[in-house]
Amino acid sequence: MTLDRGAGRAPVVSMCYQGTPADMLCVAHEFGHALQYHLAQGRFVPPILRELAAFLAEAVLLRYVQREDPQLAAPLKAAARADDAIYLGQDGDLLRAALDDPQAAYDYRLNYPVARHLAHAVTTRSQPALWERIFRAQLTLPEMLARRQTGLANTLPAVPDPDQERPAINAYRVLGMMVLLDIETRQGEPDKAIETYYAARLAHLQAQTSLVAVDRAGKPFGYALWDVDPADPDLITLKRQAAPFGDHLELQERLQAQLPATACARSHHPRSARQEQTAW
């Protein structure tokens, strides 16, 4: 464990060190916590981002040892893989069970699978500025989750200029963009029957409750569908949000700009125990 003793006092690390490769990773892990406590300067750090910094410190050790002592790197990597089996395996099962049970008690280990996943994603790219912001606690958790896919190339074609004489063509192009974005997202929607998929999106187009977001290059990067409560036009239920290239925050900002400023939005998560959740 690592204890933050407050401003002006060094953090304290406590562990049982026996010289094993796993212990070496543990030293790096706890040092990562201590370094973040020091650099954060009292800012609150969500548990997931706390563990992300610790896992990044482990990655620094692995890279250094790989360069300076390749023979020692092999047992360290084996220890890291064994830890993956715990953080992504056992703790992942714990997280899945908790998501399926709205009465599940909080367990700190629920933070490890997401933090480990983010660490693997971050360490595949060299982004010194991003690492520094993580250790200084200058990123929020939503920003970090949105960045987990940053850097994925948008391979979709640019959208043609609207056809002023044939509005139906424009509508079909919007449907086509949704299809391409859902194929890239690869979660659930492409598996639906064509008539079900088409009818749902056509209804949203007719009700003007859909948005396809396009980047500066003219390429679609995300889309959203929502329902408006017939009894309260300010009550919005988000039915679908897809941003396969990692632009989740940008999509939400575009959506918020299009909806009434007084709108209260709820998101729909069919795979979660709490299917209706407040979005903003």
C-alpha atoms as a PDB file:
ATOM      1  CA  MET A   1       0.000   0.000   0.000  1.00  0.00           C
ATOM      2  CA  THR A   2       0.969   3.650  -0.456  1.00  0.00           C
ATOM      3  CA  LEU A   3      -0.230   6.265   2.011  1.00  0.00           C
ATOM      4  CA  ASP A   4      -0.610   9.905   1.030  1.00  0.00           C
ATOM      5  CA  ARG A   5       0.277  11.910   4.152  1.00  0.00           C
ATOM      6  CA  GLY A   6      -0.742  15.287   2.757  1.00  0.00           C
ATOM      7  CA  ALA A   7       1.029  18.416   1.561  1.00  0.00           C
ATOM      8  CA  GLY A   8       4.637  18.810   2.623  1.00  0.00           C
ATOM      9  CA  ARG A   9       5.050  15.186   3.729  1.00  0.00           C
ATOM     10  CA  ALA A  10       6.420  12.342   1.602  1.00  0.00           C
ATOM     11  CA  PRO A  11       4.107   9.397   0.870  1.00  0.00           C
ATOM     12  CA  VAL A  12       4.824   6.162   2.724  1.00  0.00           C
ATOM     13  CA  VAL A  13       5.081   2.822   0.886  1.00  0.00           C
ATOM     14  CA  SER A  14       4.603  -0.439   2.776  1.00  0.00           C
ATOM     15  CA  MET A  15       5.151  -3.884   1.243  1.00  0.00           C
ATOM     16  CA  CYS A  16       6.680  -7.292   1.910  1.00  0.00           C
ATOM     17  CA  TYR A  17       9.705  -7.436  -0.410  1.00  0.00           C
ATOM     18  CA  GLN A  18      11.277 -10.845  -1.008  1.00  0.00           C
ATOM     19  CA  GLY A  19      13.199 -10.132  -4.204  1.00  0.00           C
ATOM     20  CA  THR A  20      10.918 -11.913  -6.680  1.00  0.00           C
ATOM     21  CA  PRO A  21      10.095 -10.463 -10.124  1.00  0.00           C
ATOM     22  CA  ALA A  22       6.546  -9.860  -8.866  1.00  0.00           C
ATOM     23  CA  ASP A  23       7.990  -7.886  -5.954  1.00  0.00           C
ATOM     24  CA  MET A  24      10.009  -5.740  -8.354  1.00  0.00           C
ATOM     25  CA  LEU A  25       6.820  -4.895 -10.227  1.00  0.00           C
ATOM     26  CA  CYS A  26       5.143  -4.148  -6.906  1.00  0.00           C
ATOM     27  CA  VAL A  27       7.873  -1.641  -6.009  1.00  0.00           C
ATOM     28  CA  ALA A  28       7.316   0.126  -9.351  1.00  0.00           C
ATOM     29  CA  HIS A  29       3.544   0.000  -8.861  1.00  0.00           C
ATOM     30  CA  GLU A  30       3.643   1.601  -5.425  1.00  0.00           C
ATOM     31  CA  PHE A  31       6.257   4.140  -6.557  1.00  0.00           C
ATOM     32  CA  GLY A  32       3.788   5.114  -9.298  1.00  0.00           C
ATOM     33  CA  HIS A  33       1.211   5.846  -6.620  1.00  0.00           C
ATOM     34  CA  ALA A  34       3.728   7.876  -4.603  1.00  0.00           C
ATOM     35  CA  LEU A  35       4.818   9.874  -7.652  1.00  0.00           C
ATOM     36  CA  GLN A  36       1.224  10.699  -8.567  1.00  0.00           C
ATOM     37  CA  TYR A  37       0.410  11.753  -4.998  1.00  0.00           C
ATOM     38  CA  HIS A  38       3.409  14.113  -5.115  1.00  0.00           C
ATOM     39  CA  LEU A  39       2.636  15.589  -8.549  1.00  0.00           C
ATOM     40  CA  ALA A  40      -1.136  15.835  -8.070  1.00  0.00           C
ATOM     41  CA  GLN A  41      -0.562  18.375  -5.272  1.00  0.00           C
ATOM     42  CA  GLY A  42      -3.694  17.482  -3.358  1.00  0.00           C
ATOM     43  CA  ARG A  43      -6.034  17.116  -6.341  1.00  0.00           C
ATOM     44  CA  PHE A  44      -8.534  14.274  -5.992  1.00  0.00           C
ATOM     45  CA  VAL A  45      -7.666  11.278  -8.196  1.00  0.00           C
ATOM     46  CA  PRO A  46     -10.420   8.746  -9.027  1.00  0.00           C
ATOM     47  CA  PRO A  47      -9.370   5.175  -8.119  1.00  0.00           C
ATOM     48  CA  ILE A  48      -9.215   4.045 -11.763  1.00  0.00           C
ATOM     49  CA  LEU A  49      -6.789   6.862 -12.657  1.00  0.00           C
ATOM     50  CA  ARG A  50      -4.865   6.155  -9.458  1.00  0.00           C
ATOM     51  CA  GLU A  51      -4.293   2.566 -10.558  1.00  0.00           C
ATOM     52  CA  LEU A  52      -3.594   3.646 -14.132  1.00  0.00           C
ATOM     53  CA  ALA A  53      -0.599   5.691 -12.918  1.00  0.00           C
ATOM     54  CA  ALA A  54       0.655   2.701 -10.918  1.00  0.00           C
ATOM     55  CA  PHE A  55       0.369   0.385 -13.924  1.00  0.00           C
ATOM     56  CA  LEU A  56       2.198   2.932 -16.103  1.00  0.00           C
ATOM     57  CA  ALA A  57       5.029   2.936 -13.570  1.00  0.00           C
ATOM     58  CA  GLU A  58       5.258  -0.836 -14.018  1.00  0.00           C
ATOM     59  CA  ALA A  59       5.440  -0.308 -17.794  1.00  0.00           C
ATOM     60  CA  VAL A  60       8.337   2.138 -17.319  1.00  0.00           C
ATOM     61  CA  LEU A  61      10.232  -0.471 -15.319  1.00  0.00           C
ATOM     62  CA  LEU A  62       9.595  -3.159 -17.950  1.00  0.00           C
ATOM     63  CA  ARG A  63      10.836  -0.889 -20.751  1.00  0.00           C
ATOM     64  CA  TYR A  64      13.943   0.101 -18.804  1.00  0.00           C
ATOM     65  CA  VAL A  65      14.861  -3.476 -17.904  1.00  0.00           C
ATOM     66  CA  GLN A  66      14.241  -4.626 -21.486  1.00  0.00           C
ATOM     67  CA  ARG A  67      16.781  -2.068 -22.663  1.00  0.00           C
ATOM     68  CA  GLU A  68      19.377  -2.432 -19.884  1.00  0.00           C
ATOM     69  CA  ASP A  69      19.151  -6.113 -18.909  1.00  0.00           C
ATOM     70  CA  PRO A  70      17.178  -8.226 -21.447  1.00  0.00           C
ATOM     71  CA  GLN A  71      17.907 -11.414 -19.489  1.00  0.00           C
ATOM     72  CA  LEU A  72      16.067 -10.036 -16.478  1.00  0.00           C
ATOM     73  CA  ALA A  73      13.190  -8.803 -18.647  1.00  0.00           C
ATOM     74  CA  ALA A  74      11.821 -12.309 -19.345  1.00  0.00           C
ATOM     75  CA  PRO A  75      10.861 -13.168 -15.719  1.00  0.00           C
ATOM     76  CA  LEU A  76       9.488  -9.656 -15.229  1.00  0.00           C
ATOM     77  CA  LYS A  77       7.256 -10.036 -18.295  1.00  0.00           C
ATOM     78  CA  ALA A  78       6.118 -13.434 -17.028  1.00  0.00           C
ATOM     79  CA  ALA A  79       5.181 -11.839 -13.700  1.00  0.00           C
ATOM     80  CA  ALA A  80       3.271  -9.108 -15.540  1.00  0.00           C
ATOM     81  CA  ARG A  81       1.330 -11.730 -17.524  1.00  0.00           C
ATOM     82  CA  ALA A  82       0.480 -13.517 -14.273  1.00  0.00           C
ATOM     83  CA  ASP A  83      -0.821 -10.209 -12.914  1.00  0.00           C
ATOM     84  CA  ASP A  84      -2.929  -9.786 -16.078  1.00  0.00           C
ATOM     85  CA  ALA A  85      -4.631 -13.078 -15.237  1.00  0.00           C
ATOM     86  CA  ILE A  86      -5.645 -11.545 -11.899  1.00  0.00           C
ATOM     87  CA  TYR A  87      -6.500  -7.977 -12.906  1.00  0.00           C
ATOM     88  CA  LEU A  88      -8.239  -8.826 -16.190  1.00  0.00           C
ATOM     89  CA  GLY A  89      -9.338 -12.355 -15.264  1.00  0.00           C
ATOM     90  CA  GLN A  90     -10.455 -12.675 -11.651  1.00  0.00           C
ATOM     91  CA  ASP A  91     -11.121  -8.966 -11.149  1.00  0.00           C
ATOM     92  CA  GLY A  92     -12.755  -8.777 -14.580  1.00  0.00           C
ATOM     93  CA  ASP A  93     -15.185 -11.513 -13.534  1.00  0.00           C
ATOM     94  CA  LEU A  94     -15.877  -9.561 -10.342  1.00  0.00           C
ATOM     95  CA  LEU A  95     -16.633  -6.416 -12.359  1.00  0.00           C
ATOM     96  CA  ARG A  96     -18.936  -8.248 -14.780  1.00  0.00           C
ATOM     97  CA  ALA A  97     -20.862  -9.746 -11.864  1.00  0.00           C
ATOM     98  CA  ALA A  98     -21.201  -6.317 -10.228  1.00  0.00           C
ATOM     99  CA  LEU A  99     -22.498  -4.738 -13.452  1.00  0.00           C
ATOM    100  CA  ASP A 100     -25.186  -7.417 -13.617  1.00  0.00           C
ATOM    101  CA  ASP A 101     -26.240  -6.875  -9.997  1.00  0.00           C
ATOM    102  CA  PRO A 102     -27.483  -3.382  -9.014  1.00  0.00           C
ATOM    103  CA  GLN A 103     -27.295  -4.406  -5.338  1.00  0.00           C
ATOM    104  CA  ALA A 104     -23.613  -5.423  -5.496  1.00  0.00           C
ATOM    105  CA  ALA A 105     -21.397  -3.893  -2.808  1.00  0.00           C
ATOM    106  CA  TYR A 106     -18.475  -1.705  -3.839  1.00  0.00           C
ATOM    107  CA  ASP A 107     -15.109  -3.436  -3.933  1.00  0.00           C
ATOM    108  CA  TYR A 108     -11.898  -1.517  -4.690  1.00  0.00           C
ATOM    109  CA  ARG A 109     -10.795  -4.352  -6.968  1.00  0.00           C
ATOM    110  CA  LEU A 110     -13.547  -3.322  -9.401  1.00  0.00           C
ATOM    111  CA  ASN A 111     -11.201  -0.519 -10.501  1.00  0.00           C
ATOM    112  CA  TYR A 112      -8.367  -2.782 -11.618  1.00  0.00           C
ATOM    113  CA  PRO A 113      -9.757  -4.238 -14.894  1.00  0.00           C
ATOM    114  CA  VAL A 114     -10.544  -0.830 -16.402  1.00  0.00           C
ATOM    115  CA  ALA A 115      -7.249   0.676 -15.205  1.00  0.00           C
ATOM    116  CA  ARG A 116      -5.269  -2.299 -16.560  1.00  0.00           C
ATOM    117  CA  HIS A 117      -7.054  -2.064 -19.905  1.00  0.00           C
ATOM    118  CA  LEU A 118      -6.328   1.668 -20.131  1.00  0.00           C
ATOM    119  CA  ALA A 119      -2.687   1.077 -19.211  1.00  0.00           C
ATOM    120  CA  HIS A 120      -2.274  -1.465 -22.019  1.00  0.00           C
ATOM    121  CA  ALA A 121      -3.872   0.995 -24.461  1.00  0.00           C
ATOM    122  CA  VAL A 122      -1.725   3.940 -23.338  1.00  0.00           C
ATOM    123  CA  THR A 123       1.589   2.068 -23.335  1.00  0.00           C
ATOM    124  CA  THR A 124       1.164   0.935 -26.948  1.00  0.00           C
ATOM    125  CA  ARG A 125       1.797   4.547 -27.999  1.00  0.00           C
ATOM    126  CA  SER A 126       4.520   6.941 -26.932  1.00  0.00           C
ATOM    127  CA  GLN A 127       2.641   9.988 -25.606  1.00  0.00           C
ATOM    128  CA  PRO A 128       4.841  11.742 -23.009  1.00  0.00           C
ATOM    129  CA  ALA A 129       2.425  14.672 -22.638  1.00  0.00           C
ATOM    130  CA  LEU A 130      -0.463  12.303 -21.903  1.00  0.00           C
ATOM    131  CA  TRP A 131       1.568  10.344 -19.349  1.00  0.00           C
ATOM    132  CA  GLU A 132       2.529  13.578 -17.588  1.00  0.00           C
ATOM    133  CA  ARG A 133      -1.108  14.696 -17.387  1.00  0.00           C
ATOM    134  CA  ILE A 134      -2.041  11.312 -15.884  1.00  0.00           C
ATOM    135  CA  PHE A 135       0.596  11.569 -13.155  1.00  0.00           C
ATOM    136  CA  ARG A 136      -0.302  15.203 -12.462  1.00  0.00           C
ATOM    137  CA  ALA A 137      -4.015  14.264 -12.202  1.00  0.00           C
ATOM    138  CA  GLN A 138      -4.910  16.746 -14.944  1.00  0.00           C
ATOM    139  CA  LEU A 139      -7.305  14.389 -16.757  1.00  0.00           C
ATOM    140  CA  THR A 140     -10.813  13.442 -15.704  1.00  0.00           C
ATOM    141  CA  LEU A 141     -11.951   9.849 -15.944  1.00  0.00           C
ATOM    142  CA  PRO A 142     -14.395  10.555 -18.839  1.00  0.00           C
ATOM    143  CA  GLU A 143     -11.569  12.242 -20.779  1.00  0.00           C
ATOM    144  CA  MET A 144      -9.286   9.272 -20.191  1.00  0.00           C
ATOM    145  CA  LEU A 145     -11.926   6.760 -21.213  1.00  0.00           C
ATOM    146  CA  ALA A 146     -12.589   8.738 -24.382  1.00  0.00           C
ATOM    147  CA  ARG A 147      -8.860   8.819 -25.175  1.00  0.00           C
ATOM    148  CA  ARG A 148      -8.467   5.047 -24.939  1.00  0.00           C
ATOM    149  CA  GLN A 149      -9.078   4.784 -28.692  1.00  0.00           C
ATOM    150  CA  THR A 150      -7.399   8.046 -29.690  1.00  0.00           C
ATOM    151  CA  GLY A 151      -5.160   7.533 -32.666  1.00  0.00           C
ATOM    152  CA  LEU A 152      -7.406   5.086 -34.520  1.00  0.00           C
ATOM    153  CA  ALA A 153      -7.518   6.173 -38.139  1.00  0.00           C
ATOM    154  CA  ASN A 154     -10.905   7.111 -39.544  1.00  0.00           C
ATOM    155  CA  THR A 155     -11.009   4.958 -42.671  1.00  0.00           C
ATOM    156  CA  LEU A 156     -14.486   6.050 -43.781  1.00  0.00           C
ATOM    157  CA  PRO A 157     -14.936   8.089 -46.982  1.00  0.00           C
ATOM    158  CA  ALA A 158     -15.768  11.772 -46.909  1.00  0.00           C
ATOM    159  CA  VAL A 159     -19.429  12.719 -47.195  1.00  0.00           C
ATOM    160  CA  PRO A 160     -20.499  14.188 -50.577  1.00  0.00           C
ATOM    161  CA  ASP A 161     -22.075  17.634 -50.652  1.00  0.00           C
ATOM    162  CA  PRO A 162     -25.856  17.549 -50.038  1.00  0.00           C
ATOM    163  CA  ASP A 163     -27.967  16.972 -53.126  1.00  0.00           C
ATOM    164  CA  GLN A 164     -30.241  20.024 -53.252  1.00  0.00           C
ATOM    165  CA  GLU A 165     -32.580  18.552 -55.848  1.00  0.00           C
ATOM    166  CA  ARG A 166     -32.987  15.061 -54.371  1.00  0.00           C
ATOM    167  CA  PRO A 167     -33.408  15.192 -50.550  1.00  0.00           C
ATOM    168  CA  ALA A 168     -34.153  11.471 -50.432  1.00  0.00           C
ATOM    169  CA  ILE A 169     -30.577  10.803 -51.554  1.00  0.00           C
ATOM    170  CA  ASN A 170     -29.296  12.782 -48.568  1.00  0.00           C
ATOM    171  CA  ALA A 171     -31.422  10.685 -46.209  1.00  0.00           C
ATOM    172  CA  TYR A 172     -30.072   7.441 -47.640  1.00  0.00           C
ATOM    173  CA  ARG A 173     -26.534   8.774 -47.301  1.00  0.00           C
ATOM    174  CA  VAL A 174     -27.191   9.454 -43.607  1.00  0.00           C
ATOM    175  CA  LEU A 175     -28.438   5.871 -43.211  1.00  0.00           C
ATOM    176  CA  GLY A 176     -25.338   4.626 -45.000  1.00  0.00           C
ATOM    177  CA  MET A 177     -23.078   6.589 -42.653  1.00  0.00           C
ATOM    178  CA  MET A 178     -24.842   5.050 -39.644  1.00  0.00           C
ATOM    179  CA  VAL A 179     -24.332   1.583 -41.092  1.00  0.00           C
ATOM    180  CA  LEU A 180     -20.612   2.170 -41.658  1.00  0.00           C
ATOM    181  CA  LEU A 181     -20.157   3.581 -38.154  1.00  0.00           C
ATOM    182  CA  ASP A 182     -21.988   0.623 -36.616  1.00  0.00           C
ATOM    183  CA  ILE A 183     -19.867  -1.833 -38.589  1.00  0.00           C
ATOM    184  CA  GLU A 184     -16.757  -0.105 -37.251  1.00  0.00           C
ATOM    185  CA  THR A 185     -18.173  -0.145 -33.701  1.00  0.00           C
ATOM    186  CA  ARG A 186     -18.849  -3.912 -33.906  1.00  0.00           C
ATOM    187  CA  GLN A 187     -21.291  -4.031 -31.019  1.00  0.00           C
ATOM    188  CA  GLY A 188     -24.723  -5.506 -31.447  1.00  0.00           C
ATOM    189  CA  GLU A 189     -26.350  -3.265 -34.048  1.00  0.00           C
ATOM    190  CA  PRO A 190     -24.915  -4.923 -37.211  1.00  0.00           C
ATOM    191  CA  ASP A 191     -26.332  -8.238 -35.961  1.00  0.00           C
ATOM    192  CA  LYS A 192     -29.946  -7.035 -36.140  1.00  0.00           C
ATOM    193  CA  ALA A 193     -32.306  -7.986 -38.955  1.00  0.00           C
ATOM    194  CA  ILE A 194     -32.127  -5.486 -41.821  1.00  0.00           C
ATOM    195  CA  GLU A 195     -35.802  -4.512 -41.571  1.00  0.00           C
ATOM    196  CA  THR A 196     -35.496  -3.881 -37.796  1.00  0.00           C
ATOM    197  CA  TYR A 197     -32.308  -1.868 -38.162  1.00  0.00           C
ATOM    198  CA  TYR A 198     -33.662   0.186 -41.103  1.00  0.00           C
ATOM    199  CA  ALA A 199     -37.096   0.868 -39.586  1.00  0.00           C
ATOM    200  CA  ALA A 200     -35.624   2.165 -36.312  1.00  0.00           C
ATOM    201  CA  ARG A 201     -33.286   4.620 -38.041  1.00  0.00           C
ATOM    202  CA  LEU A 202     -35.888   5.732 -40.578  1.00  0.00           C
ATOM    203  CA  ALA A 203     -38.240   6.569 -37.690  1.00  0.00           C
ATOM    204  CA  HIS A 204     -35.540   8.692 -36.042  1.00  0.00           C
ATOM    205  CA  LEU A 205     -34.807  10.485 -39.318  1.00  0.00           C
ATOM    206  CA  GLN A 206     -38.500  11.279 -39.776  1.00  0.00           C
ATOM    207  CA  ALA A 207     -38.799  12.490 -36.181  1.00  0.00           C
ATOM    208  CA  GLN A 208     -35.578  14.525 -36.502  1.00  0.00           C
ATOM    209  CA  THR A 209     -34.104  12.735 -33.488  1.00  0.00           C
ATOM    210  CA  SER A 210     -30.824  11.671 -35.038  1.00  0.00           C
ATOM    211  CA  LEU A 211     -27.402  13.242 -35.480  1.00  0.00           C
ATOM    212  CA  VAL A 212     -24.448  12.185 -37.618  1.00  0.00           C
ATOM    213  CA  ALA A 213     -21.276  14.090 -36.687  1.00  0.00           C
ATOM    214  CA  VAL A 214     -18.715  14.871 -39.402  1.00  0.00           C
ATOM    215  CA  ASP A 215     -15.097  15.929 -38.813  1.00  0.00           C
ATOM    216  CA  ARG A 216     -13.129  18.682 -40.571  1.00  0.00           C
ATOM    217  CA  ALA A 217     -12.119  16.286 -43.327  1.00  0.00           C
ATOM    218  CA  GLY A 218     -15.773  15.657 -44.093  1.00  0.00           C
ATOM    219  CA  LYS A 219     -15.734  12.126 -42.649  1.00  0.00           C
ATOM    220  CA  PRO A 220     -18.456  10.834 -40.317  1.00  0.00           C
ATOM    221  CA  PHE A 221     -16.984   9.968 -36.915  1.00  0.00           C
ATOM    222  CA  GLY A 222     -20.069   9.211 -34.828  1.00  0.00           C
ATOM    223  CA  TYR A 223     -23.821   9.291 -34.609  1.00  0.00           C
ATOM    224  CA  ALA A 224     -26.571   9.413 -31.987  1.00  0.00           C
ATOM    225  CA  LEU A 225     -30.264   8.541 -31.777  1.00  0.00           C
ATOM    226  CA  TRP A 226     -32.648   9.736 -29.088  1.00  0.00           C
ATOM    227  CA  ASP A 227     -36.310   9.787 -28.070  1.00  0.00           C
ATOM    228  CA  VAL A 228     -38.262  12.760 -26.732  1.00  0.00           C
ATOM    229  CA  ASP A 229     -40.767  12.195 -23.933  1.00  0.00           C
ATOM    230  CA  PRO A 230     -44.240  13.057 -25.362  1.00  0.00           C
ATOM    231  CA  ALA A 231     -45.256  14.591 -22.020  1.00  0.00           C
ATOM    232  CA  ASP A 232     -42.045  16.589 -21.504  1.00  0.00           C
ATOM    233  CA  PRO A 233     -40.002  17.819 -24.516  1.00  0.00           C
ATOM    234  CA  ASP A 234     -37.040  18.526 -22.217  1.00  0.00           C
ATOM    235  CA  LEU A 235     -36.761  14.871 -21.205  1.00  0.00           C
ATOM    236  CA  ILE A 236     -34.456  13.073 -23.662  1.00  0.00           C
ATOM    237  CA  THR A 237     -33.540   9.389 -23.745  1.00  0.00           C
ATOM    238  CA  LEU A 238     -30.380   8.604 -25.718  1.00  0.00           C
ATOM    239  CA  LYS A 239     -30.978   5.330 -27.538  1.00  0.00           C
ATOM    240  CA  ARG A 240     -27.730   4.951 -29.430  1.00  0.00           C
ATOM    241  CA  GLN A 241     -24.304   6.612 -29.426  1.00  0.00           C
ATOM    242  CA  ALA A 242     -21.545   5.259 -31.656  1.00  0.00           C
ATOM    243  CA  ALA A 243     -18.065   6.796 -31.984  1.00  0.00           C
ATOM    244  CA  PRO A 244     -15.796   3.961 -33.153  1.00  0.00           C
ATOM    245  CA  PHE A 245     -12.690   6.120 -33.607  1.00  0.00           C
ATOM    246  CA  GLY A 246     -12.616   7.412 -30.028  1.00  0.00           C
ATOM    247  CA  ASP A 247     -14.376  10.779 -30.473  1.00  0.00           C
ATOM    248  CA  HIS A 248     -16.963  10.148 -27.752  1.00  0.00           C
ATOM    249  CA  LEU A 249     -16.653  13.541 -26.049  1.00  0.00           C
ATOM    250  CA  GLU A 250     -16.802  15.392 -29.365  1.00  0.00           C
ATOM    251  CA  LEU A 251     -19.963  13.484 -30.302  1.00  0.00           C
ATOM    252  CA  GLN A 252     -21.583  14.326 -26.967  1.00  0.00           C
ATOM    253  CA  GLU A 253     -20.658  18.005 -27.315  1.00  0.00           C
ATOM    254  CA  ARG A 254     -22.226  18.103 -30.801  1.00  0.00           C
ATOM    255  CA  LEU A 255     -25.330  16.404 -29.417  1.00  0.00           C
ATOM    256  CA  GLN A 256     -25.632  18.790 -26.456  1.00  0.00           C
ATOM    257  CA  ALA A 257     -25.324  21.746 -28.836  1.00  0.00           C
ATOM    258  CA  GLN A 258     -28.204  20.433 -30.973  1.00  0.00           C
ATOM    259  CA  LEU A 259     -30.593  19.636 -28.106  1.00  0.00           C
ATOM    260  CA  PRO A 260     -32.367  22.310 -26.004  1.00  0.00           C
ATOM    261  CA  ALA A 261     -30.167  23.814 -23.300  1.00  0.00           C
ATOM    262  CA  THR A 262     -32.816  22.864 -20.734  1.00  0.00           C
ATOM    263  CA  ALA A 263     -32.867  19.210 -21.795  1.00  0.00           C
ATOM    264  CA  CYS A 264     -32.275  16.470 -19.246  1.00  0.00           C
ATOM    265  CA  ALA A 265     -30.739  13.495 -21.025  1.00  0.00           C
ATOM    266  CA  ARG A 266     -30.768   9.868 -19.931  1.00  0.00           C
ATOM    267  CA  SER A 267     -28.752   7.167 -21.650  1.00  0.00           C
ATOM    268  CA  HIS A 268     -30.020   3.684 -22.430  1.00  0.00           C
ATOM    269  CA  HIS A 269     -27.656   0.765 -21.669  1.00  0.00           C
ATOM    270  CA  PRO A 270     -29.407  -2.547 -22.433  1.00  0.00           C
ATOM    271  CA  ARG A 271     -26.431  -4.590 -21.192  1.00  0.00           C
ATOM    272  CA  SER A 272     -26.258  -2.877 -17.796  1.00  0.00           C
ATOM    273  CA  ALA A 273     -28.240  -3.717 -14.700  1.00  0.00           C
ATOM    274  CA  ARG A 274     -29.150  -0.001 -14.525  1.00  0.00           C
ATOM    275  CA  GLN A 275     -30.460   0.353 -18.050  1.00  0.00           C
ATOM    276  CA  GLU A 276     -31.528   3.999 -17.679  1.00  0.00           C
ATOM    277  CA  GLN A 277     -28.717   6.294 -16.479  1.00  0.00           C
ATOM    278  CA  THR A 278     -28.401  10.088 -16.364  1.00  0.00           C
ATOM    279  CA  ALA A 279     -26.179  11.422 -19.164  1.00  0.00           C
ATOM    280  CA  TRP A 280     -26.375  15.146 -18.303  1.00  0.00           C
END
